[in-house]
C-alpha cells in the first residue's frame, strides 16, 4: 500500500462520478457531487445551523447497530481476522444530508498504531438496502483485486472480479473500480475523480448550493439510469436466492 503522508482532514472533495458500460450495450453516465474525507476518531463538529447538511451516523454503516463508526469497523475487521489495523482510519463517504444518505461505496483506509497502511475496507450498499464489505490489501500503487460477492446492479450477475485502484486521496481524488468477467470482458468501469477543498463552513455551504440535497440526487440518479437501461433492452438479472455468507458488521 501507498505509505504517503495522509492528507489533512476533514476535507471535502468536489467529485465527478462516471460509469461506463460496454457490454452487452454501451451506456455512460456522469454525476457531480461531493464527498467527505474524515478521521474516524475525530469526526467534524459543525456549527449547529449546518448540522443538517452533514451528519455521520453509525447506523448508516456496517450492521447499523454499533455505537460508533470505529466500533462497527472494528467488528468488521475482527470478522476478517485483522487485529493490527488499530491506528488511524480515514473514511471517504457521503454524510447524511437533510435526513437522507446513500453511499454506493464507502472506503476506509486503515493504519496500524505506527501509522503504516494496513488494509482498505470497501463497504458497498445496493439500492435494495443490502450492505457488504470487502477487505483489500492494495499494492504500493493502491491496486487490489477481489472476487465479486454481492448483488449490486440489477443488470449484472454476481460473477467475475473487481479490479480496483484506491490510492489514499491527497490534493486529488482518483479512484477506479472495474468489473472483469472470466471470459475477459469488462462490462463496467466506474471512476471517481475530484479535487480537495478544506472543510470550512463556507466550503460546505458552497458545495451544498452547487449540489442540492446531494445524497438524494445520487439515489434518484441511479434509479433514473436504471430505467434508461431497461428501456434500452438490458435484461434484469434475478437476485441470487442465497446471499453471501453473513459478515460481522453488515446485515
Protein backbone atom coordinates (compact mmCIF):
# COMPACT_ATOMS: atom_id res chain seq x y z
CA UNK A 1 0.00 0.00 0.00
CA UNK A 2 0.99 3.60 -0.52
CA UNK A 3 2.68 4.98 2.58
CA UNK A 4 2.41 8.65 1.60
CA UNK A 5 1.56 11.06 4.40
CA UNK A 6 -2.22 11.21 4.99
CA UNK A 7 -3.89 14.43 3.82
CA UNK A 8 -5.24 16.99 6.28
CA UNK A 9 -8.75 16.12 7.41
CA UNK A 10 -11.61 16.75 7.48
CA UNK A 11 -11.72 17.58 3.79
CA UNK A 12 -14.33 17.88 1.06
CA UNK A 13 -13.80 16.58 -2.46
CA UNK A 14 -15.77 18.07 -5.33
CA UNK A 15 -16.12 14.98 -7.50
CA UNK A 16 -17.29 13.64 -10.82
CA UNK A 17 -18.53 10.05 -10.74
CA UNK A 18 -18.56 8.24 -14.09
CA UNK A 19 -19.90 4.79 -15.00
CA UNK A 20 -19.20 3.27 -18.42
CA UNK A 21 -20.85 0.09 -19.65
CA UNK A 22 -19.52 -1.54 -22.81
CA UNK A 23 -21.36 -4.89 -22.93
CA UNK A 24 -23.94 -6.01 -23.87
CA UNK A 25 -24.64 -2.39 -24.83
CA UNK A 26 -22.79 0.88 -24.45
CA UNK A 27 -24.02 3.35 -21.88
CA UNK A 28 -22.32 6.08 -19.87
CA UNK A 29 -23.36 8.34 -17.04
CA UNK A 30 -21.66 11.19 -15.22
CA UNK A 31 -22.71 12.78 -11.99
CA UNK A 32 -21.19 15.60 -9.97
CA UNK A 33 -21.34 15.56 -6.20
CA UNK A 34 -19.09 15.98 -3.17
CA UNK A 35 -17.62 13.56 -0.64
CA UNK A 36 -16.11 13.85 2.81
CA UNK A 37 -12.75 12.50 3.92
CA UNK A 38 -12.74 12.26 7.73
CA UNK A 39 -10.78 10.75 10.59
CA UNK A 40 -12.99 8.09 12.17
CA UNK A 41 -11.83 9.11 15.64
CA UNK A 42 -12.14 12.85 15.08
CA UNK A 43 -15.32 13.45 13.13
CA UNK A 44 -16.08 17.06 12.20
CA UNK A 45 -18.26 19.08 14.54
CA UNK A 46 -20.18 21.65 12.53
CA UNK A 47 -21.86 24.85 13.71
CA UNK A 48 -25.41 23.96 14.78
CA UNK A 49 -27.13 25.64 11.76
CA UNK A 50 -25.05 23.49 9.36
CA UNK A 51 -25.50 20.14 11.06
CA UNK A 52 -28.46 19.11 8.85
CA UNK A 53 -26.00 19.28 5.91
CA UNK A 54 -23.56 16.72 7.29
CA UNK A 55 -24.13 14.03 9.88
CA UNK A 56 -22.06 10.88 10.31
CA UNK A 57 -24.31 8.25 11.86
CA UNK A 58 -23.08 4.75 12.84
CA UNK A 59 -26.47 3.35 11.80
CA UNK A 60 -25.65 4.18 8.17
CA UNK A 61 -22.71 1.76 8.06
CA UNK A 62 -21.92 -1.90 8.69
CA UNK A 63 -24.84 -3.55 10.52
CA UNK A 64 -26.11 -0.25 11.86
CA UNK A 65 -26.02 -1.44 15.45
CA UNK A 66 -22.59 -0.29 16.63
CA UNK A 67 -22.39 2.69 18.98
CA UNK A 68 -19.71 4.36 16.86
CA UNK A 69 -18.28 4.09 13.35
CA UNK A 70 -14.99 2.89 14.85
CA UNK A 71 -16.77 0.09 16.73
CA UNK A 72 -18.57 -1.00 13.56
CA UNK A 73 -15.31 -1.09 11.62
CA UNK A 74 -13.51 -2.99 14.38
CA UNK A 75 -16.21 -5.68 14.34
CA UNK A 76 -15.82 -5.97 10.58
CA UNK A 77 -12.02 -6.22 10.79
CA UNK A 78 -12.23 -8.82 13.56
CA UNK A 79 -14.52 -10.95 11.40
CA UNK A 80 -11.85 -10.83 8.68
CA UNK A 81 -9.12 -11.79 11.15
CA UNK A 82 -7.41 -8.39 11.15
CA UNK A 83 -6.19 -7.38 14.59
CA UNK A 84 -3.48 -4.80 13.93
CA UNK A 85 -5.38 -2.12 11.98
CA UNK A 86 -5.89 -0.26 15.23
CA UNK A 87 -4.39 3.09 14.28
CA UNK A 88 -5.75 5.99 12.28
CA UNK A 89 -8.64 5.32 9.90
CA UNK A 90 -9.65 7.72 7.14
CA UNK A 91 -13.16 7.32 5.72
CA UNK A 92 -14.36 8.60 2.33
CA UNK A 93 -18.16 8.82 2.19
CA UNK A 94 -21.27 10.87 1.76
CA UNK A 95 -22.52 12.35 5.01
CA UNK A 96 -26.22 12.27 5.82
CA UNK A 97 -27.82 15.39 4.27
CA UNK A 98 -31.25 16.65 5.36
CA UNK A 99 -32.04 13.27 6.88
CA UNK A 100 -31.04 11.19 3.84
CA UNK A 101 -27.91 9.28 2.89
CA UNK A 102 -26.93 6.72 0.29
CA UNK A 103 -23.35 5.52 -0.09
CA UNK A 104 -22.82 3.21 -3.06
CA UNK A 105 -19.19 2.89 -1.93
CA UNK A 106 -17.58 3.89 1.36
CA UNK A 107 -13.83 3.44 1.76
CA UNK A 108 -11.84 3.07 4.97
CA UNK A 109 -8.04 3.37 4.77
CA UNK A 110 -6.83 1.59 7.92
CA UNK A 111 -3.41 2.05 9.54
CA UNK A 112 -1.62 0.42 12.46
CA UNK A 113 -0.56 2.32 15.55
CA UNK A 114 2.78 3.23 13.94
CA UNK A 115 0.92 4.91 11.07
CA UNK A 116 1.69 2.21 8.50
CA UNK A 117 -1.05 1.32 5.98
CA UNK A 118 -2.61 -2.00 6.93
CA UNK A 119 -5.64 -2.54 4.69
CA UNK A 120 -8.61 -0.93 2.99
CA UNK A 121 -12.22 -1.84 3.68
CA UNK A 122 -14.65 -1.19 0.83
CA UNK A 123 -18.27 -1.06 2.03
CA UNK A 124 -20.82 -1.42 -0.77
CA UNK A 125 -24.53 -0.58 -0.49
CA UNK A 126 -27.12 -1.51 -3.09
CA UNK A 127 -30.47 0.13 -3.72
CA UNK A 128 -32.29 -2.83 -2.13
CA UNK A 129 -30.99 -1.98 1.33
CA UNK A 130 -28.19 -4.55 1.33
CA UNK A 131 -24.63 -3.96 2.52
CA UNK A 132 -21.42 -5.88 2.00
CA UNK A 133 -17.76 -5.31 2.88
CA UNK A 134 -14.61 -6.30 1.03
CA UNK A 135 -11.25 -6.48 2.80
CA UNK A 136 -8.49 -5.32 0.46
CA UNK A 137 -4.70 -5.26 0.62
CA UNK A 138 -3.72 -2.80 -2.13
CA UNK A 139 -0.18 -2.70 -3.50
CA UNK A 140 2.08 0.37 -3.46
CA UNK A 141 0.03 1.96 -6.26
CA UNK A 142 -3.28 1.37 -4.49
CA UNK A 143 -4.31 -1.56 -6.71
CA UNK A 144 -6.28 -4.55 -5.46
CA UNK A 145 -8.36 -7.41 -6.87
CA UNK A 146 -11.30 -9.14 -5.19
CA UNK A 147 -14.00 -11.55 -6.33
CA UNK A 148 -17.46 -10.04 -6.74
CA UNK A 149 -19.64 -11.40 -3.94
CA UNK A 150 -22.59 -9.03 -3.74
CA UNK A 151 -25.55 -8.18 -5.96
CA UNK A 152 -25.40 -4.50 -6.87
CA UNK A 153 -26.71 -3.70 -10.35
CA UNK A 154 -29.91 -5.50 -11.43
CA UNK A 155 -28.32 -5.86 -14.87
CA UNK A 156 -25.20 -7.78 -13.76
CA UNK A 157 -24.87 -11.24 -12.23
CA UNK A 158 -22.74 -11.90 -9.18
CA UNK A 159 -19.71 -13.17 -11.08
CA UNK A 160 -16.22 -12.10 -12.00
CA UNK A 161 -13.85 -9.90 -10.04
CA UNK A 162 -13.31 -6.24 -9.27
CA UNK A 163 -10.01 -4.64 -10.14
CA UNK A 164 -9.69 -1.52 -8.04
CA UNK A 165 -7.31 1.38 -7.82
CA UNK A 166 -7.80 3.08 -4.46
CA UNK A 167 -4.87 5.34 -3.56
CA UNK A 168 -5.27 7.41 -0.43
CA UNK A 169 -6.62 10.81 -1.54
CA UNK A 170 -4.36 13.83 -1.42
CA UNK A 171 -4.92 17.06 -3.29
CA UNK A 172 -6.64 14.89 -5.88
CA UNK A 173 -9.06 12.00 -5.55
CA UNK A 174 -8.64 9.36 -8.27
CA UNK A 175 -10.42 6.02 -7.81
CA UNK A 176 -11.25 3.29 -10.31
CA UNK A 177 -13.37 0.15 -9.94
CA UNK A 178 -13.60 -2.17 -12.94
CA UNK A 179 -15.64 -5.36 -13.16
CA UNK A 180 -13.99 -8.14 -15.17
CA UNK A 181 -15.64 -11.41 -16.12
CA UNK A 182 -13.89 -14.75 -16.52
CA UNK A 183 -14.28 -14.55 -20.31
CA UNK A 184 -12.08 -11.44 -20.34
CA UNK A 185 -14.90 -8.95 -20.85
CA UNK A 186 -15.01 -5.73 -18.84
CA UNK A 187 -18.70 -4.80 -18.70
CA UNK A 188 -18.45 -1.91 -16.25
CA UNK A 189 -15.85 0.66 -15.23
CA UNK A 190 -16.56 3.27 -12.57
CA UNK A 191 -14.31 6.21 -11.71
CA UNK A 192 -14.44 8.86 -9.00
CA UNK A 193 -12.25 11.90 -9.53
CA UNK A 194 -12.16 15.11 -7.57
CA UNK A 195 -10.27 17.98 -6.03
CA UNK A 196 -9.67 18.53 -2.34
CA UNK A 197 -11.22 21.52 -0.58
CA UNK A 198 -10.82 22.47 3.09
CA UNK A 199 -13.91 21.52 5.10
CA UNK A 200 -14.81 25.03 6.23
CA UNK A 201 -18.43 26.12 6.75
CA UNK A 202 -18.21 28.37 3.69
CA UNK A 203 -16.89 25.48 1.56
CA UNK A 204 -19.67 23.16 2.71
CA UNK A 205 -22.33 25.78 2.03
CA UNK A 206 -20.94 26.37 -1.46
CA UNK A 207 -20.93 22.63 -2.19
CA UNK A 208 -24.49 22.26 -0.87
CA UNK A 209 -25.66 25.08 -3.14
CA UNK A 210 -23.96 23.57 -6.19
CA UNK A 211 -25.29 20.08 -5.40
CA UNK A 212 -28.65 20.49 -3.62
CA UNK A 213 -29.59 17.50 -1.45
CA UNK A 214 -26.65 15.62 -2.89
CA UNK A 215 -27.39 12.19 -1.40
CA UNK A 216 -30.97 12.11 -2.65
CA UNK A 217 -29.66 13.18 -6.05
CA UNK A 218 -27.34 10.15 -6.08
CA UNK A 219 -30.21 7.77 -5.29
CA UNK A 220 -32.50 9.30 -7.89
CA UNK A 221 -29.74 9.32 -10.50
CA UNK A 222 -29.09 5.60 -10.06
CA UNK A 223 -32.78 4.81 -10.49
CA UNK A 224 -33.13 7.12 -13.49
CA UNK A 225 -30.26 5.45 -15.31
CA UNK A 226 -31.63 2.03 -14.37
CA UNK A 227 -34.88 2.91 -16.11
CA UNK A 228 -32.96 4.10 -19.18
CA UNK A 229 -31.00 0.84 -19.34
CA UNK A 230 -34.20 -1.18 -19.01
CA UNK A 231 -35.83 0.80 -21.82
CA UNK A 232 -32.76 0.17 -23.96
CA UNK A 233 -33.49 -3.53 -23.61
CA UNK A 234 -30.99 -4.60 -20.97
CA UNK A 235 -32.23 -7.73 -19.24
CA UNK A 236 -32.74 -7.70 -15.48
CA UNK A 237 -30.74 -10.39 -13.70
CA UNK A 238 -32.55 -12.03 -10.76
CA UNK A 239 -31.11 -11.56 -7.34
CA UNK A 240 -29.36 -14.71 -6.04
CA UNK A 241 -31.53 -16.94 -3.88
CA UNK A 242 -28.62 -17.42 -1.50
CA UNK A 243 -26.96 -14.35 -0.04
CA UNK A 244 -23.22 -14.14 0.63
CA UNK A 245 -22.07 -15.53 3.96
CA UNK A 246 -23.01 -13.11 6.75
CA UNK A 247 -20.19 -10.85 7.93
CA UNK A 248 -19.84 -9.25 11.32
CA UNK A 249 -20.71 -5.60 10.97
CA UNK A 250 -23.04 -6.00 7.98
CA UNK A 251 -26.70 -7.09 7.85
